[in-house]
Amino acid sequence: MKDGLRCYRVWDLPTRLFHWILVILVAVSIYTGQSGGFKEMDYHMLSGYAILALILFRIIWGFVGSKHARFVDFVSPGAVMSYTRSLFSREEKKTTQSPGHNPLGALSIIVMLLVLLTQAVTGLFANDDIFLEGPLAHLAGDEMSDDLTSVHHINSKLLYVLIGLHLLAVVFYQFVRRESLLLPMITGKTGGAASEDVKPLKESATALMVMAVCAGIVYYLVNEF
């Protein structure tokens, strides 16, 4: 118990695993993409396939997952503006914090998913003009493949910006707002109001089925076209 609040489950296990596996895969993709060696680029492509499967999983999980993982739990742009103005307000009470994404965090998650999806999909059609090309590059043709490669490179810069902002937000909430964003994503629990009945076994079984479907889709795209 902290500040008079009980701790409740807010992030289900599939959502937490998605988050941390995605962190690892994005780090691998950035390192291998910057290194640019033949072997490194093989790993770069493999990590890209895995990221695409994860993003597809998260999109589906946004409709069938637990309460705070669902997109319907996210908020409107108006709420984002109101919440942003309240961040430095002395009148705001930390005890009113609700479980799940805050309005600004919800917006950042949507943007991050879209940018990562764009990065992963364009990577399927990209080429390096030397010895490597995405598994679907032949479907696009040389000119379209070159255009999508440019989008892939430009979009990576946007991804770097979003990662930087995300890290700054973690630091800001930790040291300015005195709210940990990392701990709930590790333990799954935070202070606030209780949400819904927890059925971890059912959630895990559903998540495994969804992930298997997403992995199958990516495998089919990569190997059958």
C-alpha atoms as a PDB file:
ATOM      1  CA  MET A   1       0.000   0.000   0.000  1.00  0.00           C
ATOM      2  CA  LYS A   2       1.314   3.453  -0.912  1.00  0.00           C
ATOM      3  CA  ASP A   3      -0.086   6.915  -0.154  1.00  0.00           C
ATOM      4  CA  GLY A   4      -3.253   5.269   1.154  1.00  0.00           C
ATOM      5  CA  LEU A   5      -3.882   3.397  -2.089  1.00  0.00           C
ATOM      6  CA  ARG A   6      -4.120  -0.350  -2.463  1.00  0.00           C
ATOM      7  CA  CYS A   7      -2.199  -1.991  -5.293  1.00  0.00           C
ATOM      8  CA  TYR A   8      -4.229  -3.614  -8.045  1.00  0.00           C
ATOM      9  CA  ARG A   9      -3.377  -5.572 -11.167  1.00  0.00           C
ATOM     10  CA  VAL A  10      -3.319  -3.170 -14.108  1.00  0.00           C
ATOM     11  CA  TRP A  11      -1.121  -4.789 -16.790  1.00  0.00           C
ATOM     12  CA  ASP A  12      -1.752  -8.401 -17.740  1.00  0.00           C
ATOM     13  CA  LEU A  13       1.194 -10.742 -18.327  1.00  0.00           C
ATOM     14  CA  PRO A  14       0.842 -10.793 -22.148  1.00  0.00           C
ATOM     15  CA  THR A  15       0.990  -6.981 -22.263  1.00  0.00           C
ATOM     16  CA  ARG A  16       4.087  -6.905 -20.050  1.00  0.00           C
ATOM     17  CA  LEU A  17       5.837  -9.608 -22.072  1.00  0.00           C
ATOM     18  CA  PHE A  18       4.959  -7.766 -25.273  1.00  0.00           C
ATOM     19  CA  HIS A  19       6.495  -4.581 -23.905  1.00  0.00           C
ATOM     20  CA  TRP A  20       9.812  -6.038 -22.770  1.00  0.00           C
ATOM     21  CA  ILE A  21      10.306  -8.371 -25.727  1.00  0.00           C
ATOM     22  CA  LEU A  22       9.600  -5.416 -28.018  1.00  0.00           C
ATOM     23  CA  VAL A  23      12.214  -3.340 -26.173  1.00  0.00           C
ATOM     24  CA  ILE A  24      14.813  -6.063 -26.775  1.00  0.00           C
ATOM     25  CA  LEU A  25      13.903  -6.538 -30.433  1.00  0.00           C
ATOM     26  CA  VAL A  26      13.923  -2.808 -31.181  1.00  0.00           C
ATOM     27  CA  ALA A  27      17.351  -2.528 -29.565  1.00  0.00           C
ATOM     28  CA  VAL A  28      18.585  -5.432 -31.721  1.00  0.00           C
ATOM     29  CA  SER A  29      17.107  -3.846 -34.842  1.00  0.00           C
ATOM     30  CA  ILE A  30      18.740  -0.498 -34.142  1.00  0.00           C
ATOM     31  CA  TYR A  31      22.146  -2.048 -33.438  1.00  0.00           C
ATOM     32  CA  THR A  32      22.124  -4.361 -36.449  1.00  0.00           C
ATOM     33  CA  GLY A  33      20.740  -1.656 -38.737  1.00  0.00           C
ATOM     34  CA  GLN A  34      23.504   0.735 -37.717  1.00  0.00           C
ATOM     35  CA  SER A  35      26.203  -1.940 -38.008  1.00  0.00           C
ATOM     36  CA  GLY A  36      25.208  -2.814 -41.551  1.00  0.00           C
ATOM     37  CA  GLY A  37      27.283  -5.982 -41.947  1.00  0.00           C
ATOM     38  CA  PHE A  38      25.973  -8.945 -43.922  1.00  0.00           C
ATOM     39  CA  LYS A  39      25.469 -11.127 -40.853  1.00  0.00           C
ATOM     40  CA  GLU A  40      24.088  -8.232 -38.838  1.00  0.00           C
ATOM     41  CA  MET A  41      21.533  -7.460 -41.542  1.00  0.00           C
ATOM     42  CA  ASP A  42      20.313 -11.047 -41.426  1.00  0.00           C
ATOM     43  CA  TYR A  43      19.600 -10.533 -37.725  1.00  0.00           C
ATOM     44  CA  HIS A  44      18.097  -7.141 -38.554  1.00  0.00           C
ATOM     45  CA  MET A  45      15.575  -8.761 -40.848  1.00  0.00           C
ATOM     46  CA  LEU A  46      14.758 -11.525 -38.370  1.00  0.00           C
ATOM     47  CA  SER A  47      14.156  -9.005 -35.593  1.00  0.00           C
ATOM     48  CA  GLY A  48      11.970  -7.025 -37.990  1.00  0.00           C
ATOM     49  CA  TYR A  49       9.815 -10.075 -38.673  1.00  0.00           C
ATOM     50  CA  ALA A  50       9.464 -10.676 -34.934  1.00  0.00           C
ATOM     51  CA  ILE A  51       8.537  -7.023 -34.349  1.00  0.00           C
ATOM     52  CA  LEU A  52       5.856  -7.225 -37.039  1.00  0.00           C
ATOM     53  CA  ALA A  53       4.372 -10.316 -35.382  1.00  0.00           C
ATOM     54  CA  LEU A  54       4.412  -8.549 -32.009  1.00  0.00           C
ATOM     55  CA  ILE A  55       2.734  -5.423 -33.373  1.00  0.00           C
ATOM     56  CA  LEU A  56       0.021  -7.526 -35.021  1.00  0.00           C
ATOM     57  CA  PHE A  57      -0.429  -9.293 -31.690  1.00  0.00           C
ATOM     58  CA  ARG A  58      -0.734  -5.974 -29.817  1.00  0.00           C
ATOM     59  CA  ILE A  59      -3.323  -4.690 -32.278  1.00  0.00           C
ATOM     60  CA  ILE A  60      -5.473  -7.788 -31.803  1.00  0.00           C
ATOM     61  CA  TRP A  61      -4.835  -7.766 -28.054  1.00  0.00           C
ATOM     62  CA  GLY A  62      -6.132  -4.215 -28.062  1.00  0.00           C
ATOM     63  CA  PHE A  63      -9.558  -5.695 -28.765  1.00  0.00           C
ATOM     64  CA  VAL A  64      -9.537  -9.026 -26.899  1.00  0.00           C
ATOM     65  CA  GLY A  65      -7.094  -8.423 -24.024  1.00  0.00           C
ATOM     66  CA  SER A  66      -7.756  -7.320 -20.460  1.00  0.00           C
ATOM     67  CA  LYS A  67      -9.458  -3.999 -19.716  1.00  0.00           C
ATOM     68  CA  HIS A  68      -6.449  -1.672 -19.729  1.00  0.00           C
ATOM     69  CA  ALA A  69      -4.857  -3.365 -22.741  1.00  0.00           C
ATOM     70  CA  ARG A  70      -7.889  -2.599 -24.907  1.00  0.00           C
ATOM     71  CA  PHE A  71      -7.986   0.432 -27.158  1.00  0.00           C
ATOM     72  CA  VAL A  72     -11.453   1.325 -25.874  1.00  0.00           C
ATOM     73  CA  ASP A  73      -9.753   2.084 -22.547  1.00  0.00           C
ATOM     74  CA  PHE A  74      -7.656   4.747 -24.275  1.00  0.00           C
ATOM     75  CA  VAL A  75      -8.830   8.346 -24.218  1.00  0.00           C
ATOM     76  CA  SER A  76      -9.762  11.149 -26.582  1.00  0.00           C
ATOM     77  CA  PRO A  77      -7.485  13.948 -27.895  1.00  0.00           C
ATOM     78  CA  GLY A  78      -9.389  16.409 -25.703  1.00  0.00           C
ATOM     79  CA  ALA A  79      -8.481  14.412 -22.630  1.00  0.00           C
ATOM     80  CA  VAL A  80      -4.845  14.418 -23.770  1.00  0.00           C
ATOM     81  CA  MET A  81      -4.791  18.240 -23.888  1.00  0.00           C
ATOM     82  CA  SER A  82      -6.496  18.542 -20.503  1.00  0.00           C
ATOM     83  CA  TYR A  83      -4.131  16.030 -18.929  1.00  0.00           C
ATOM     84  CA  THR A  84      -1.066  17.728 -20.445  1.00  0.00           C
ATOM     85  CA  ARG A  85      -2.085  21.073 -18.927  1.00  0.00           C
ATOM     86  CA  SER A  86      -2.551  19.409 -15.541  1.00  0.00           C
ATOM     87  CA  LEU A  87       0.927  17.829 -15.443  1.00  0.00           C
ATOM     88  CA  PHE A  88       2.516  20.802 -13.701  1.00  0.00           C
ATOM     89  CA  SER A  89      -0.580  21.886 -11.800  1.00  0.00           C
ATOM     90  CA  ARG A  90      -0.052  22.205  -8.058  1.00  0.00           C
ATOM     91  CA  GLU A  91      -3.714  21.471  -7.476  1.00  0.00           C
ATOM     92  CA  GLU A  92      -3.638  18.052  -9.077  1.00  0.00           C
ATOM     93  CA  LYS A  93      -3.719  15.199  -6.608  1.00  0.00           C
ATOM     94  CA  LYS A  94      -1.578  12.182  -7.318  1.00  0.00           C
ATOM     95  CA  THR A  95      -4.085  10.014  -5.493  1.00  0.00           C
ATOM     96  CA  THR A  96      -6.530  10.512  -8.345  1.00  0.00           C
ATOM     97  CA  GLN A  97      -4.293   8.539 -10.679  1.00  0.00           C
ATOM     98  CA  SER A  98      -6.324   5.863 -12.442  1.00  0.00           C
ATOM     99  CA  PRO A  99      -5.033   2.490 -13.582  1.00  0.00           C
ATOM    100  CA  GLY A 100      -3.949   1.996 -17.169  1.00  0.00           C
ATOM    101  CA  HIS A 101      -2.458   4.489 -19.578  1.00  0.00           C
ATOM    102  CA  ASN A 102      -2.850   8.137 -18.704  1.00  0.00           C
ATOM    103  CA  PRO A 103      -4.197  10.221 -21.640  1.00  0.00           C
ATOM    104  CA  LEU A 104      -0.743  11.294 -22.839  1.00  0.00           C
ATOM    105  CA  GLY A 105       0.605   7.766 -22.495  1.00  0.00           C
ATOM    106  CA  ALA A 106      -2.329   6.406 -24.517  1.00  0.00           C
ATOM    107  CA  LEU A 107      -1.529   8.782 -27.364  1.00  0.00           C
ATOM    108  CA  SER A 108       2.155   7.862 -27.298  1.00  0.00           C
ATOM    109  CA  ILE A 109       1.327   4.139 -27.441  1.00  0.00           C
ATOM    110  CA  ILE A 110      -0.883   4.599 -30.503  1.00  0.00           C
ATOM    111  CA  VAL A 111       1.793   6.654 -32.280  1.00  0.00           C
ATOM    112  CA  MET A 112       4.543   4.179 -31.351  1.00  0.00           C
ATOM    113  CA  LEU A 113       2.516   1.233 -32.664  1.00  0.00           C
ATOM    114  CA  LEU A 114       1.842   3.028 -35.948  1.00  0.00           C
ATOM    115  CA  VAL A 115       5.496   3.993 -36.413  1.00  0.00           C
ATOM    116  CA  LEU A 116       6.720   0.472 -35.603  1.00  0.00           C
ATOM    117  CA  LEU A 117       4.120  -1.056 -37.915  1.00  0.00           C
ATOM    118  CA  THR A 118       5.238   1.281 -40.707  1.00  0.00           C
ATOM    119  CA  GLN A 119       8.872   0.407 -40.049  1.00  0.00           C
ATOM    120  CA  ALA A 120       8.262  -3.331 -40.077  1.00  0.00           C
ATOM    121  CA  VAL A 121       6.018  -3.331 -43.167  1.00  0.00           C
ATOM    122  CA  THR A 122       8.282  -1.088 -45.255  1.00  0.00           C
ATOM    123  CA  GLY A 123      11.197  -3.320 -44.267  1.00  0.00           C
ATOM    124  CA  LEU A 124       9.505  -6.205 -46.073  1.00  0.00           C
ATOM    125  CA  PHE A 125       9.798  -4.269 -49.343  1.00  0.00           C
ATOM    126  CA  ALA A 126      13.111  -2.465 -48.732  1.00  0.00           C
ATOM    127  CA  ASN A 127      16.495  -3.062 -50.349  1.00  0.00           C
ATOM    128  CA  ASP A 128      20.052  -1.827 -49.874  1.00  0.00           C
ATOM    129  CA  ASP A 129      20.987  -1.678 -53.583  1.00  0.00           C
ATOM    130  CA  ILE A 130      23.803  -4.168 -52.969  1.00  0.00           C
ATOM    131  CA  PHE A 131      23.068  -7.708 -51.786  1.00  0.00           C
ATOM    132  CA  LEU A 132      20.045  -7.557 -49.505  1.00  0.00           C
ATOM    133  CA  GLU A 133      16.348  -6.972 -50.035  1.00  0.00           C
ATOM    134  CA  GLY A 134      13.158  -7.598 -48.135  1.00  0.00           C
ATOM    135  CA  PRO A 135      11.215 -10.784 -48.868  1.00  0.00           C
ATOM    136  CA  LEU A 136       8.447  -8.848 -50.664  1.00  0.00           C
ATOM    137  CA  ALA A 137      10.658  -6.400 -52.581  1.00  0.00           C
ATOM    138  CA  HIS A 138      10.142  -8.320 -55.805  1.00  0.00           C
ATOM    139  CA  LEU A 139       6.396  -7.676 -55.590  1.00  0.00           C
ATOM    140  CA  ALA A 140       6.859  -3.917 -55.447  1.00  0.00           C
ATOM    141  CA  GLY A 141       9.260  -3.430 -58.334  1.00  0.00           C
ATOM    142  CA  ASP A 142      12.520  -1.484 -58.239  1.00  0.00           C
ATOM    143  CA  GLU A 143      11.071   2.030 -58.095  1.00  0.00           C
ATOM    144  CA  MET A 144       8.459   1.295 -55.444  1.00  0.00           C
ATOM    145  CA  SER A 145      11.000  -0.701 -53.437  1.00  0.00           C
ATOM    146  CA  ASP A 146      13.379   2.279 -53.496  1.00  0.00           C
ATOM    147  CA  ASP A 147      10.567   4.594 -52.343  1.00  0.00           C
ATOM    148  CA  LEU A 148       9.627   2.276 -49.489  1.00  0.00           C
ATOM    149  CA  THR A 149      13.301   1.976 -48.543  1.00  0.00           C
ATOM    150  CA  SER A 150      13.411   5.775 -48.220  1.00  0.00           C
ATOM    151  CA  VAL A 151      10.301   5.686 -46.025  1.00  0.00           C
ATOM    152  CA  HIS A 152      11.964   2.962 -43.947  1.00  0.00           C
ATOM    153  CA  HIS A 153      15.035   5.148 -43.369  1.00  0.00           C
ATOM    154  CA  ILE A 154      13.091   8.350 -42.654  1.00  0.00           C
ATOM    155  CA  ASN A 155      10.656   6.551 -40.363  1.00  0.00           C
ATOM    156  CA  SER A 156      13.583   5.170 -38.347  1.00  0.00           C
ATOM    157  CA  LYS A 157      14.527   8.754 -37.425  1.00  0.00           C
ATOM    158  CA  LEU A 158      11.008   9.333 -36.153  1.00  0.00           C
ATOM    159  CA  LEU A 159      11.293   6.122 -34.161  1.00  0.00           C
ATOM    160  CA  TYR A 160      14.480   7.406 -32.500  1.00  0.00           C
ATOM    161  CA  VAL A 161      12.639  10.583 -31.503  1.00  0.00           C
ATOM    162  CA  LEU A 162       9.738   8.625 -30.017  1.00  0.00           C
ATOM    163  CA  ILE A 163      12.110   6.377 -28.069  1.00  0.00           C
ATOM    164  CA  GLY A 164      13.882   9.444 -26.700  1.00  0.00           C
ATOM    165  CA  LEU A 165      10.587  11.044 -25.668  1.00  0.00           C
ATOM    166  CA  HIS A 166       9.479   7.803 -24.049  1.00  0.00           C
ATOM    167  CA  LEU A 167      12.659   7.620 -21.974  1.00  0.00           C
ATOM    168  CA  LEU A 168      12.298  11.282 -20.987  1.00  0.00           C
ATOM    169  CA  ALA A 169       8.713  10.599 -19.897  1.00  0.00           C
ATOM    170  CA  VAL A 170       9.878   7.710 -17.700  1.00  0.00           C
ATOM    171  CA  VAL A 171      12.456   9.971 -16.045  1.00  0.00           C
ATOM    172  CA  PHE A 172       9.961  12.846 -15.685  1.00  0.00           C
ATOM    173  CA  TYR A 173       7.309  10.702 -14.017  1.00  0.00           C
ATOM    174  CA  GLN A 174       9.865   9.031 -11.764  1.00  0.00           C
ATOM    175  CA  PHE A 175      11.590  12.146 -10.446  1.00  0.00           C
ATOM    176  CA  VAL A 176       9.109  14.991 -10.967  1.00  0.00           C
ATOM    177  CA  ARG A 177       5.715  13.349 -10.572  1.00  0.00           C
ATOM    178  CA  ARG A 178       7.003  10.665  -8.197  1.00  0.00           C
ATOM    179  CA  GLU A 179       5.119   8.009 -10.148  1.00  0.00           C
ATOM    180  CA  SER A 180       6.886   4.933 -11.458  1.00  0.00           C
ATOM    181  CA  LEU A 181       6.023   3.850 -14.993  1.00  0.00           C
ATOM    182  CA  LEU A 182       8.517   1.006 -14.997  1.00  0.00           C
ATOM    183  CA  LEU A 183       7.471  -0.870 -11.857  1.00  0.00           C
ATOM    184  CA  PRO A 184       3.854  -1.517 -12.960  1.00  0.00           C
ATOM    185  CA  MET A 185       5.157  -2.816 -16.298  1.00  0.00           C
ATOM    186  CA  ILE A 186       7.308  -5.295 -14.344  1.00  0.00           C
ATOM    187  CA  THR A 187       4.938  -6.347 -11.567  1.00  0.00           C
ATOM    188  CA  GLY A 188       1.666  -5.609 -13.353  1.00  0.00           C
ATOM    189  CA  LYS A 189       0.377  -3.710 -10.318  1.00  0.00           C
ATOM    190  CA  THR A 190      -0.179  -0.067  -9.461  1.00  0.00           C
ATOM    191  CA  GLY A 191      -2.109   2.052  -6.984  1.00  0.00           C
ATOM    192  CA  GLY A 192      -5.643   2.999  -7.910  1.00  0.00           C
ATOM    193  CA  ALA A 193      -9.142   1.683  -8.244  1.00  0.00           C
ATOM    194  CA  ALA A 194      -9.823  -1.990  -8.850  1.00  0.00           C
ATOM    195  CA  SER A 195     -10.725  -2.775 -12.444  1.00  0.00           C
ATOM    196  CA  GLU A 196     -11.933  -6.249 -13.360  1.00  0.00           C
ATOM    197  CA  ASP A 197     -11.742  -9.870 -12.320  1.00  0.00           C
ATOM    198  CA  VAL A 198      -8.364 -11.382 -13.165  1.00  0.00           C
ATOM    199  CA  LYS A 199      -8.264 -14.605 -15.173  1.00  0.00           C
ATOM    200  CA  PRO A 200      -4.538 -15.039 -15.919  1.00  0.00           C
ATOM    201  CA  LEU A 201      -4.762 -18.609 -17.224  1.00  0.00           C
ATOM    202  CA  LYS A 202      -7.501 -17.729 -19.694  1.00  0.00           C
ATOM    203  CA  GLU A 203      -5.632 -14.574 -20.723  1.00  0.00           C
ATOM    204  CA  SER A 204      -2.391 -16.472 -21.252  1.00  0.00           C
ATOM    205  CA  ALA A 205      -4.091 -19.176 -23.326  1.00  0.00           C
ATOM    206  CA  THR A 206      -5.815 -16.556 -25.475  1.00  0.00           C
ATOM    207  CA  ALA A 207      -2.576 -14.609 -25.874  1.00  0.00           C
ATOM    208  CA  LEU A 208      -0.694 -17.719 -26.990  1.00  0.00           C
ATOM    209  CA  MET A 209      -3.315 -18.447 -29.635  1.00  0.00           C
ATOM    210  CA  VAL A 210      -3.274 -14.859 -30.873  1.00  0.00           C
ATOM    211  CA  MET A 211       0.537 -14.826 -30.980  1.00  0.00           C
ATOM    212  CA  ALA A 212       0.595 -18.115 -32.888  1.00  0.00           C
ATOM    213  CA  VAL A 213      -1.777 -16.672 -35.483  1.00  0.00           C
ATOM    214  CA  CYS A 214       0.317 -13.500 -35.841  1.00  0.00           C
ATOM    215  CA  ALA A 215       3.551 -15.486 -36.157  1.00  0.00           C
ATOM    216  CA  GLY A 216       1.885 -17.663 -38.780  1.00  0.00           C
ATOM    217  CA  ILE A 217       0.790 -14.620 -40.775  1.00  0.00           C
ATOM    218  CA  VAL A 218       4.316 -13.173 -40.785  1.00  0.00           C
ATOM    219  CA  TYR A 219       5.843 -16.540 -41.659  1.00  0.00           C
ATOM    220  CA  TYR A 220       3.464 -16.876 -44.585  1.00  0.00           C
ATOM    221  CA  LEU A 221       4.240 -13.346 -45.841  1.00  0.00           C
ATOM    222  CA  VAL A 222       7.990 -13.918 -45.622  1.00  0.00           C
ATOM    223  CA  ASN A 223       8.139 -17.406 -47.103  1.00  0.00           C
ATOM    224  CA  GLU A 224       5.203 -17.900 -49.434  1.00  0.00           C
ATOM    225  CA  PHE A 225       5.190 -14.769 -51.646  1.00  0.00           C
END
